[in-house]
Amino acid sequence: MPSASISLPPGAEAWKRDIPQADIRFYDTGHFALETHGDVIIPAIREFLDDHLKV
Protein backbone atom coordinates (compact mmCIF):
# COMPACT_ATOMS: atom_id res chain seq x y z
CA MET A 1 0.00 0.00 0.00
CA PRO A 2 2.18 2.91 -1.23
CA SER A 3 0.02 5.70 0.21
CA ALA A 4 0.59 4.39 3.75
CA SER A 5 4.19 5.64 3.65
CA ILE A 6 3.02 9.26 3.94
CA SER A 7 1.61 8.42 7.37
CA LEU A 8 5.00 7.44 8.69
CA PRO A 9 7.26 10.03 10.32
CA PRO A 10 9.78 10.14 7.43
CA GLY A 11 6.93 10.86 5.00
CA ALA A 12 5.62 13.63 7.22
CA GLU A 13 9.08 15.11 7.59
CA ALA A 14 9.34 15.23 3.80
CA TRP A 15 6.22 17.44 3.75
CA LYS A 16 7.86 19.65 6.39
CA ARG A 17 10.87 20.16 4.13
CA ASP A 18 8.59 21.22 1.27
CA ILE A 19 6.18 23.27 3.42
CA PRO A 20 8.20 24.66 6.36
CA GLN A 21 5.15 26.23 8.01
CA ALA A 22 3.33 22.87 8.07
CA ASP A 23 1.99 21.85 11.48
CA ILE A 24 3.04 18.23 11.84
CA ARG A 25 2.34 16.32 15.05
CA PHE A 26 2.89 12.68 15.91
CA TYR A 27 0.63 10.75 18.25
CA ASP A 28 1.24 7.26 19.58
CA THR A 29 -2.08 5.79 18.49
CA GLY A 30 -3.51 2.87 16.62
CA HIS A 31 -5.91 2.81 13.69
CA PHE A 32 -8.77 4.46 15.61
CA ALA A 33 -6.83 7.53 16.73
CA LEU A 34 -9.81 9.84 17.21
CA GLU A 35 -11.69 7.25 19.23
CA THR A 36 -8.77 6.52 21.56
CA HIS A 37 -7.01 9.91 21.67
CA GLY A 38 -9.72 12.34 20.64
CA ASP A 39 -9.27 14.36 23.82
CA VAL A 40 -5.81 15.37 22.55
CA ILE A 41 -6.23 15.32 18.77
CA ILE A 42 -9.59 17.08 18.38
CA PRO A 43 -8.49 20.27 20.18
CA ALA A 44 -5.38 20.35 17.96
CA ILE A 45 -7.57 20.09 14.85
CA ARG A 46 -9.88 22.83 16.10
CA GLU A 47 -6.92 25.09 16.90
CA PHE A 48 -5.52 24.52 13.42
CA LEU A 49 -8.86 25.30 11.78
CA ASP A 50 -9.36 28.41 13.94
CA ASP A 51 -5.93 29.65 12.92
CA HIS A 52 -6.25 28.89 9.20
CA LEU A 53 -9.88 29.25 8.15
CA LYS A 54 -11.18 32.62 7.21
CA VAL A 55 -14.82 33.07 8.26
PDB file of N, CA and C in Angstrom:
ATOM      1  N   MET A   1       0.847  -1.175   0.000  1.00  0.00           N
ATOM      2  CA  MET A   1       0.000   0.000   0.000  1.00  0.00           C
ATOM      3  C   MET A   1       0.898   1.246   0.000  1.00  0.00           C
ATOM      4  N   PRO A   2       1.239   1.788  -1.133  1.00  0.00           N
ATOM      5  CA  PRO A   2       2.181   2.913  -1.227  1.00  0.00           C
ATOM      6  C   PRO A   2       1.739   4.162  -0.477  1.00  0.00           C
ATOM      7  N   SER A   3       0.453   4.460  -0.439  1.00  0.00           N
ATOM      8  CA  SER A   3       0.016   5.696   0.213  1.00  0.00           C
ATOM      9  C   SER A   3       0.230   5.660   1.720  1.00  0.00           C
ATOM     10  N   ALA A   4       0.387   4.489   2.304  1.00  0.00           N
ATOM     11  CA  ALA A   4       0.592   4.386   3.745  1.00  0.00           C
ATOM     12  C   ALA A   4       1.912   5.026   4.170  1.00  0.00           C
ATOM     13  N   SER A   5       2.882   5.091   3.275  1.00  0.00           N
ATOM     14  CA  SER A   5       4.190   5.637   3.653  1.00  0.00           C
ATOM     15  C   SER A   5       4.117   7.104   4.053  1.00  0.00           C
ATOM     16  N   ILE A   6       3.128   7.837   3.569  1.00  0.00           N
ATOM     17  CA  ILE A   6       3.024   9.255   3.940  1.00  0.00           C
ATOM     18  C   ILE A   6       2.631   9.397   5.406  1.00  0.00           C
ATOM     19  N   SER A   7       2.026   8.361   5.972  1.00  0.00           N
ATOM     20  CA  SER A   7       1.607   8.421   7.366  1.00  0.00           C
ATOM     21  C   SER A   7       2.762   8.201   8.328  1.00  0.00           C
ATOM     22  N   LEU A   8       3.848   7.698   7.836  1.00  0.00           N
ATOM     23  CA  LEU A   8       4.995   7.435   8.692  1.00  0.00           C
ATOM     24  C   LEU A   8       5.782   8.721   8.917  1.00  0.00           C
ATOM     25  N   PRO A   9       6.492   8.809  10.040  1.00  0.00           N
ATOM     26  CA  PRO A   9       7.264  10.032  10.323  1.00  0.00           C
ATOM     27  C   PRO A   9       8.183  10.497   9.196  1.00  0.00           C
ATOM     28  N   PRO A  10       8.929   9.623   8.518  1.00  0.00           N
ATOM     29  CA  PRO A  10       9.776  10.141   7.430  1.00  0.00           C
ATOM     30  C   PRO A  10       8.964  10.797   6.311  1.00  0.00           C
ATOM     31  N   GLY A  11       7.784  10.252   6.015  1.00  0.00           N
ATOM     32  CA  GLY A  11       6.933  10.861   4.998  1.00  0.00           C
ATOM     33  C   GLY A  11       6.439  12.223   5.427  1.00  0.00           C
ATOM     34  N   ALA A  12       6.077  12.341   6.692  1.00  0.00           N
ATOM     35  CA  ALA A  12       5.620  13.628   7.217  1.00  0.00           C
ATOM     36  C   ALA A  12       6.753  14.650   7.238  1.00  0.00           C
ATOM     37  N   GLU A  13       7.931  14.200   7.579  1.00  0.00           N
ATOM     38  CA  GLU A  13       9.078  15.109   7.591  1.00  0.00           C
ATOM     39  C   GLU A  13       9.403  15.601   6.183  1.00  0.00           C
ATOM     40  N   ALA A  14       9.136  14.794   5.177  1.00  0.00           N
ATOM     41  CA  ALA A  14       9.338  15.235   3.799  1.00  0.00           C
ATOM     42  C   ALA A  14       8.397  16.394   3.476  1.00  0.00           C
ATOM     43  N   TRP A  15       7.158  16.316   3.938  1.00  0.00           N
ATOM     44  CA  TRP A  15       6.222  17.438   3.753  1.00  0.00           C
ATOM     45  C   TRP A  15       6.770  18.678   4.437  1.00  0.00           C
ATOM     46  N   LYS A  16       7.329  18.519   5.625  1.00  0.00           N
ATOM     47  CA  LYS A  16       7.856  19.651   6.393  1.00  0.00           C
ATOM     48  C   LYS A  16       8.998  20.332   5.634  1.00  0.00           C
ATOM     49  N   ARG A  17       9.798  19.560   4.936  1.00  0.00           N
ATOM     50  CA  ARG A  17      10.871  20.159   4.126  1.00  0.00           C
ATOM     51  C   ARG A  17      10.287  21.001   3.000  1.00  0.00           C
ATOM     52  N   ASP A  18       9.198  20.511   2.398  1.00  0.00           N
ATOM     53  CA  ASP A  18       8.587  21.217   1.274  1.00  0.00           C
ATOM     54  C   ASP A  18       7.701  22.375   1.722  1.00  0.00           C
ATOM     55  N   ILE A  19       7.096  22.244   2.886  1.00  0.00           N
ATOM     56  CA  ILE A  19       6.183  23.265   3.416  1.00  0.00           C
ATOM     57  C   ILE A  19       6.625  23.563   4.855  1.00  0.00           C
ATOM     58  N   PRO A  20       7.628  24.427   5.032  1.00  0.00           N
ATOM     59  CA  PRO A  20       8.203  24.662   6.361  1.00  0.00           C
ATOM     60  C   PRO A  20       7.195  25.097   7.420  1.00  0.00           C
ATOM     61  N   GLN A  21       6.128  25.776   7.029  1.00  0.00           N
ATOM     62  CA  GLN A  21       5.145  26.229   8.013  1.00  0.00           C
ATOM     63  C   GLN A  21       4.117  25.147   8.356  1.00  0.00           C
ATOM     64  N   ALA A  22       4.269  23.957   7.793  1.00  0.00           N
ATOM     65  CA  ALA A  22       3.330  22.867   8.073  1.00  0.00           C
ATOM     66  C   ALA A  22       3.328  22.532   9.565  1.00  0.00           C
ATOM     67  N   ASP A  23       2.156  22.246  10.072  1.00  0.00           N
ATOM     68  CA  ASP A  23       1.993  21.848  11.480  1.00  0.00           C
ATOM     69  C   ASP A  23       1.890  20.331  11.517  1.00  0.00           C
ATOM     70  N   ILE A  24       2.991  19.686  11.844  1.00  0.00           N
ATOM     71  CA  ILE A  24       3.041  18.225  11.843  1.00  0.00           C
ATOM     72  C   ILE A  24       3.203  17.754  13.279  1.00  0.00           C
ATOM     73  N   ARG A  25       2.304  16.869  13.685  1.00  0.00           N
ATOM     74  CA  ARG A  25       2.342  16.323  15.046  1.00  0.00           C
ATOM     75  C   ARG A  25       2.239  14.815  14.969  1.00  0.00           C
ATOM     76  N   PHE A  26       2.927  14.143  15.858  1.00  0.00           N
ATOM     77  CA  PHE A  26       2.889  12.685  15.914  1.00  0.00           C
ATOM     78  C   PHE A  26       2.218  12.252  17.207  1.00  0.00           C
ATOM     79  N   TYR A  27       1.321  11.291  17.084  1.00  0.00           N
ATOM     80  CA  TYR A  27       0.626  10.750  18.251  1.00  0.00           C
ATOM     81  C   TYR A  27       0.827   9.241  18.258  1.00  0.00           C
ATOM     82  N   ASP A  28       1.055   8.704  19.425  1.00  0.00           N
ATOM     83  CA  ASP A  28       1.245   7.264  19.577  1.00  0.00           C
ATOM     84  C   ASP A  28      -0.138   6.620  19.686  1.00  0.00           C
ATOM     85  N   THR A  29      -0.725   6.331  18.531  1.00  0.00           N
ATOM     86  CA  THR A  29      -2.082   5.788  18.489  1.00  0.00           C
ATOM     87  C   THR A  29      -2.139   4.596  17.554  1.00  0.00           C
ATOM     88  N   GLY A  30      -3.250   3.946  17.573  1.00  0.00           N
ATOM     89  CA  GLY A  30      -3.514   2.875  16.624  1.00  0.00           C
ATOM     90  C   GLY A  30      -4.390   3.394  15.497  1.00  0.00           C
ATOM     91  N   HIS A  31      -5.090   2.483  14.858  1.00  0.00           N
ATOM     92  CA  HIS A  31      -5.910   2.807  13.690  1.00  0.00           C
ATOM     93  C   HIS A  31      -7.063   3.754  14.029  1.00  0.00           C
ATOM     94  N   PHE A  32      -7.616   3.650  15.221  1.00  0.00           N
ATOM     95  CA  PHE A  32      -8.768   4.461  15.606  1.00  0.00           C
ATOM     96  C   PHE A  32      -8.335   5.624  16.492  1.00  0.00           C
ATOM     97  N   ALA A  33      -7.461   6.461  15.954  1.00  0.00           N
ATOM     98  CA  ALA A  33      -6.830   7.529  16.733  1.00  0.00           C
ATOM     99  C   ALA A  33      -7.834   8.478  17.375  1.00  0.00           C
ATOM    100  N   LEU A  34      -8.858   8.884  16.640  1.00  0.00           N
ATOM    101  CA  LEU A  34      -9.815   9.842  17.208  1.00  0.00           C
ATOM    102  C   LEU A  34     -10.659   9.209  18.304  1.00  0.00           C
ATOM    103  N   GLU A  35     -10.912   7.920  18.191  1.00  0.00           N
ATOM    104  CA  GLU A  35     -11.685   7.250  19.228  1.00  0.00           C
ATOM    105  C   GLU A  35     -10.877   7.071  20.518  1.00  0.00           C
ATOM    106  N   THR A  36      -9.586   6.793  20.374  1.00  0.00           N
ATOM    107  CA  THR A  36      -8.771   6.522  21.559  1.00  0.00           C
ATOM    108  C   THR A  36      -8.048   7.747  22.107  1.00  0.00           C
ATOM    109  N   HIS A  37      -7.778   8.733  21.248  1.00  0.00           N
ATOM    110  CA  HIS A  37      -7.006   9.905  21.666  1.00  0.00           C
ATOM    111  C   HIS A  37      -7.671  11.210  21.248  1.00  0.00           C
ATOM    112  N   GLY A  38      -8.981  11.170  21.071  1.00  0.00           N
ATOM    113  CA  GLY A  38      -9.718  12.345  20.639  1.00  0.00           C
ATOM    114  C   GLY A  38      -9.569  13.533  21.563  1.00  0.00           C
ATOM    115  N   ASP A  39      -9.402  13.270  22.854  1.00  0.00           N
ATOM    116  CA  ASP A  39      -9.266  14.365  23.815  1.00  0.00           C
ATOM    117  C   ASP A  39      -8.018  15.199  23.570  1.00  0.00           C
ATOM    118  N   VAL A  40      -7.041  14.646  22.873  1.00  0.00           N
ATOM    119  CA  VAL A  40      -5.807  15.370  22.550  1.00  0.00           C
ATOM    120  C   VAL A  40      -5.820  15.861  21.097  1.00  0.00           C
ATOM    121  N   ILE A  41      -6.306  15.019  20.202  1.00  0.00           N
ATOM    122  CA  ILE A  41      -6.228  15.322  18.774  1.00  0.00           C
ATOM    123  C   ILE A  41      -7.292  16.331  18.340  1.00  0.00           C
ATOM    124  N   ILE A  42      -8.511  16.192  18.812  1.00  0.00           N
ATOM    125  CA  ILE A  42      -9.591  17.084  18.380  1.00  0.00           C
ATOM    126  C   ILE A  42      -9.305  18.548  18.723  1.00  0.00           C
ATOM    127  N   PRO A  43      -8.831  18.870  19.925  1.00  0.00           N
ATOM    128  CA  PRO A  43      -8.485  20.274  20.182  1.00  0.00           C
ATOM    129  C   PRO A  43      -7.380  20.793  19.248  1.00  0.00           C
ATOM    130  N   ALA A  44      -6.446  19.929  18.878  1.00  0.00           N
ATOM    131  CA  ALA A  44      -5.381  20.351  17.955  1.00  0.00           C
ATOM    132  C   ALA A  44      -5.963  20.649  16.579  1.00  0.00           C
ATOM    133  N   ILE A  45      -6.917  19.846  16.137  1.00  0.00           N
ATOM    134  CA  ILE A  45      -7.572  20.089  14.846  1.00  0.00           C
ATOM    135  C   ILE A  45      -8.352  21.398  14.901  1.00  0.00           C
ATOM    136  N   ARG A  46      -9.096  21.592  15.980  1.00  0.00           N
ATOM    137  CA  ARG A  46      -9.876  22.830  16.105  1.00  0.00           C
ATOM    138  C   ARG A  46      -8.978  24.058  16.133  1.00  0.00           C
ATOM    139  N   GLU A  47      -7.876  23.968  16.846  1.00  0.00           N
ATOM    140  CA  GLU A  47      -6.924  25.090  16.900  1.00  0.00           C
ATOM    141  C   GLU A  47      -6.379  25.394  15.509  1.00  0.00           C
ATOM    142  N   PHE A  48      -6.023  24.341  14.776  1.00  0.00           N
ATOM    143  CA  PHE A  48      -5.524  24.523  13.420  1.00  0.00           C
ATOM    144  C   PHE A  48      -6.569  25.203  12.543  1.00  0.00           C
ATOM    145  N   LEU A  49      -7.804  24.717  12.599  1.00  0.00           N
ATOM    146  CA  LEU A  49      -8.865  25.302  11.777  1.00  0.00           C
ATOM    147  C   LEU A  49      -9.139  26.742  12.184  1.00  0.00           C
ATOM    148  N   ASP A  50      -9.152  27.028  13.473  1.00  0.00           N
ATOM    149  CA  ASP A  50      -9.364  28.406  13.942  1.00  0.00           C
ATOM    150  C   ASP A  50      -8.276  29.338  13.412  1.00  0.00           C
ATOM    151  N   ASP A  51      -7.057  28.825  13.366  1.00  0.00           N
ATOM    152  CA  ASP A  51      -5.931  29.647  12.919  1.00  0.00           C
ATOM    153  C   ASP A  51      -5.878  29.819  11.399  1.00  0.00           C
ATOM    154  N   HIS A  52      -6.449  28.881  10.643  1.00  0.00           N
ATOM    155  CA  HIS A  52      -6.249  28.886   9.195  1.00  0.00           C
ATOM    156  C   HIS A  52      -7.498  29.107   8.353  1.00  0.00           C
ATOM    157  N   LEU A  53      -8.666  29.010   8.923  1.00  0.00           N
ATOM    158  CA  LEU A  53      -9.879  29.251   8.151  1.00  0.00           C
ATOM    159  C   LEU A  53     -10.317  30.692   8.283  1.00  0.00           C
ATOM    160  N   LYS A  54     -10.659  31.259   7.196  1.00  0.00           N
ATOM    161  CA  LYS A  54     -11.181  32.615   7.213  1.00  0.00           C
ATOM    162  C   LYS A  54     -12.703  32.510   7.201  1.00  0.00           C
ATOM    163  N   VAL A  55     -13.352  33.155   8.160  1.00  0.00           N
ATOM    164  CA  VAL A  55     -14.819  33.070   8.256  1.00  0.00           C
ATOM    165  C   VAL A  55     -15.442  34.358   7.780  1.00  0.00           C
TER     166      VAL A  55
END
